[in-house]
Protein backbone atom coordinates (compact mmCIF):
# COMPACT_ATOMS: atom_id res chain seq x y z
CA MET A 1 146.67 152.22 116.51
CA TYR A 2 145.49 148.75 118.01
CA SER A 3 148.48 147.35 116.28
CA ARG A 4 151.31 149.53 118.77
CA ILE A 5 148.96 148.32 121.22
CA ARG A 6 149.34 144.59 120.48
CA ASN A 7 152.94 145.30 119.68
CA LEU A 8 154.06 146.86 123.40
CA ARG A 9 152.31 144.12 125.62
CA GLU A 10 153.22 141.68 122.94
CA ASP A 11 157.08 142.96 123.60
CA LYS A 12 156.89 143.10 127.86
CA ASP A 13 155.56 138.82 127.13
CA MET A 14 152.55 139.56 128.51
CA THR A 15 148.46 138.27 127.51
CA GLN A 16 145.62 140.30 126.88
CA LYS A 17 144.60 139.10 130.52
CA GLN A 18 147.13 140.57 132.29
CA ILE A 19 146.89 143.80 131.08
CA GLY A 20 142.86 143.88 131.59
CA ASP A 21 143.47 143.74 135.07
CA ILE A 22 145.61 146.08 134.84
CA LEU A 23 142.97 148.08 133.62
CA ASN A 24 140.46 147.24 135.55
CA MET A 25 139.26 145.51 132.81
CA SER A 26 138.29 141.81 131.44
CA GLN A 27 140.62 139.87 128.56
CA THR A 28 137.05 140.41 126.59
CA GLY A 29 137.34 143.96 126.40
CA TYR A 30 140.53 144.88 126.27
CA ASN A 31 140.59 143.19 123.13
CA GLN A 32 137.91 144.52 120.92
CA TYR A 33 140.66 148.02 121.40
CA GLU A 34 143.62 145.47 120.26
CA ILE A 35 141.20 145.02 117.03
CA GLY A 36 140.23 148.11 116.77
CA LYS A 37 136.34 147.31 117.77
CA ASN A 38 136.46 150.00 120.59
CA ASP A 39 138.01 152.82 120.02
CA ILE A 40 140.18 152.89 123.67
CA PRO A 41 138.42 155.81 125.97
CA THR A 42 140.89 158.78 126.93
CA ARG A 43 141.86 157.40 130.62
CA VAL A 44 143.16 153.67 129.08
CA LEU A 45 145.57 155.73 126.87
CA ILE A 46 146.55 157.45 129.58
CA THR A 47 147.00 154.39 131.66
CA LEU A 48 148.82 152.25 129.07
CA ALA A 49 150.91 155.23 128.15
CA LYS A 50 152.13 155.73 132.24
CA PHE A 51 152.82 152.19 131.90
CA TYR A 52 154.17 151.21 129.12
CA ASN A 53 156.69 154.49 129.58
CA THR A 54 155.50 156.14 126.50
CA SER A 55 153.99 158.69 124.84
CA ILE A 56 150.47 158.89 123.98
CA ASP A 57 150.97 159.85 120.73
CA TYR A 58 153.27 156.80 120.11
CA LEU A 59 150.68 154.76 120.79
CA LEU A 60 148.07 156.57 118.86
CA GLU A 61 150.96 156.36 116.00
CA LEU A 62 151.32 159.89 115.55
CA THR A 63 154.59 159.57 116.10
CA ASP A 64 156.87 157.50 116.02
CA ASP A 65 159.40 157.77 118.86
CA PRO A 66 158.27 156.27 121.80
CA LYS A 67 160.61 158.38 124.78
CA PRO A 68 157.28 159.89 127.21
CA TYR A 69 157.15 163.15 126.99
CA PRO A 70 159.03 165.10 129.47
CA ARG A 71 157.17 165.82 132.30
CA LYS A 72 156.27 168.90 133.80
CA LYS A 73 157.19 170.14 137.82
């Protein structure tokens, strides 16, 4: 799971600091998620899924399909 958020970040050519800023946290705090030292809170998973336009299941490696779920109307 942790490598997936790193790969998504790198695919967008973004730094940990830039993602940390989006999440309103420090680069060091975000780094702890990428290396697997800290579990990722639900609110952070939601923000990352929206930012990367993918599903939380994809971030958690429960699926290999990066497409987001269709939104309910």
